[in-house]
Amino acid sequence: MPIPPELLKILVCPEDRAPVRLTPGGEGLRCDHCRRVYPIRDGIPVMLVEEATVDSSPPAQ
């Protein structure tokens, strides 16, 4: 189940309050500021800092 666009507009990173965006595969939400990737499980974003991974790749343009 995809994340509704209305929800994506209001979701922010809980660590630094920067906007998040879908990862290319749609399996997570990435904050380009701190590079944390929050998982999406069963169509629900898990916006917990302790559940996030840190992505070492540069932000998408």
C-alpha atoms as a PDB file:
ATOM      1  CA  MET A   1       0.000   0.000   0.000  1.00  0.00           C
ATOM      2  CA  PRO A   2       1.614   3.294  -1.060  1.00  0.00           C
ATOM      3  CA  ILE A   3       1.904   6.278   1.255  1.00  0.00           C
ATOM      4  CA  PRO A   4      -0.757   8.873   0.354  1.00  0.00           C
ATOM      5  CA  PRO A   5       0.735  12.104  -1.076  1.00  0.00           C
ATOM      6  CA  GLU A   6      -1.156  14.137   1.555  1.00  0.00           C
ATOM      7  CA  LEU A   7       0.669  12.244   4.301  1.00  0.00           C
ATOM      8  CA  LEU A   8       4.063  12.680   2.630  1.00  0.00           C
ATOM      9  CA  LYS A   9       3.509  16.443   2.603  1.00  0.00           C
ATOM     10  CA  ILE A  10       3.219  16.613   6.399  1.00  0.00           C
ATOM     11  CA  LEU A  11       5.718  13.953   7.537  1.00  0.00           C
ATOM     12  CA  VAL A  12       9.018  15.237   8.899  1.00  0.00           C
ATOM     13  CA  CYS A  13      12.066  13.612  10.438  1.00  0.00           C
ATOM     14  CA  PRO A  14      11.564  13.300  14.207  1.00  0.00           C
ATOM     15  CA  GLU A  15      15.272  13.998  14.777  1.00  0.00           C
ATOM     16  CA  ASP A  16      15.632  17.358  13.015  1.00  0.00           C
ATOM     17  CA  ARG A  17      12.150  18.207  11.648  1.00  0.00           C
ATOM     18  CA  ALA A  18      13.366  18.228   8.031  1.00  0.00           C
ATOM     19  CA  PRO A  19      11.019  16.914   5.298  1.00  0.00           C
ATOM     20  CA  VAL A  20      11.288  13.257   4.315  1.00  0.00           C
ATOM     21  CA  ARG A  21      10.817  11.665   0.900  1.00  0.00           C
ATOM     22  CA  LEU A  22      10.240   8.136  -0.356  1.00  0.00           C
ATOM     23  CA  THR A  23      13.342   6.112  -1.111  1.00  0.00           C
ATOM     24  CA  PRO A  24      13.661   4.971  -4.756  1.00  0.00           C
ATOM     25  CA  GLY A  25      12.345   1.491  -3.951  1.00  0.00           C
ATOM     26  CA  GLY A  26       9.549   2.842  -1.762  1.00  0.00           C
ATOM     27  CA  GLU A  27      10.679   0.782   1.232  1.00  0.00           C
ATOM     28  CA  GLY A  28      11.437   3.769   3.448  1.00  0.00           C
ATOM     29  CA  LEU A  29      11.354   7.506   4.024  1.00  0.00           C
ATOM     30  CA  ARG A  30      14.655   9.383   3.851  1.00  0.00           C
ATOM     31  CA  CYS A  31      15.643  12.631   5.494  1.00  0.00           C
ATOM     32  CA  ASP A  32      18.218  14.340   3.265  1.00  0.00           C
ATOM     33  CA  HIS A  33      19.398  16.524   6.152  1.00  0.00           C
ATOM     34  CA  CYS A  34      20.518  13.792   8.589  1.00  0.00           C
ATOM     35  CA  ARG A  35      20.377  10.900   6.049  1.00  0.00           C
ATOM     36  CA  ARG A  36      18.209   8.722   8.277  1.00  0.00           C
ATOM     37  CA  VAL A  37      15.937   6.248   6.509  1.00  0.00           C
ATOM     38  CA  TYR A  38      12.756   5.332   8.348  1.00  0.00           C
ATOM     39  CA  PRO A  39      11.260   1.969   7.377  1.00  0.00           C
ATOM     40  CA  ILE A  40       7.778   1.464   6.010  1.00  0.00           C
ATOM     41  CA  ARG A  41       6.205  -1.706   7.407  1.00  0.00           C
ATOM     42  CA  ASP A  42       2.874  -2.965   6.093  1.00  0.00           C
ATOM     43  CA  GLY A  43       2.264   0.438   4.516  1.00  0.00           C
ATOM     44  CA  ILE A  44       2.880   2.309   7.784  1.00  0.00           C
ATOM     45  CA  PRO A  45       5.897   4.621   8.212  1.00  0.00           C
ATOM     46  CA  VAL A  46       7.844   3.829  11.385  1.00  0.00           C
ATOM     47  CA  MET A  47       9.014   7.312  12.369  1.00  0.00           C
ATOM     48  CA  LEU A  48      11.158   6.306  15.344  1.00  0.00           C
ATOM     49  CA  VAL A  49      14.789   7.448  15.447  1.00  0.00           C
ATOM     50  CA  GLU A  50      15.867   4.149  17.012  1.00  0.00           C
ATOM     51  CA  GLU A  51      14.310   2.213  14.094  1.00  0.00           C
ATOM     52  CA  ALA A  52      16.015   4.307  11.402  1.00  0.00           C
ATOM     53  CA  THR A  53      19.192   3.444   9.553  1.00  0.00           C
ATOM     54  CA  VAL A  54      21.714   6.007   8.332  1.00  0.00           C
ATOM     55  CA  ASP A  55      22.254   6.080   4.565  1.00  0.00           C
ATOM     56  CA  SER A  56      25.768   7.025   3.460  1.00  0.00           C
ATOM     57  CA  SER A  57      24.799   7.883  -0.125  1.00  0.00           C
ATOM     58  CA  PRO A  58      24.407  11.540  -1.145  1.00  0.00           C
ATOM     59  CA  PRO A  59      20.913  13.055  -1.419  1.00  0.00           C
ATOM     60  CA  ALA A  60      19.036  12.619  -4.688  1.00  0.00           C
ATOM     61  CA  GLN A  61      18.816  15.645  -6.922  1.00  0.00           C
END
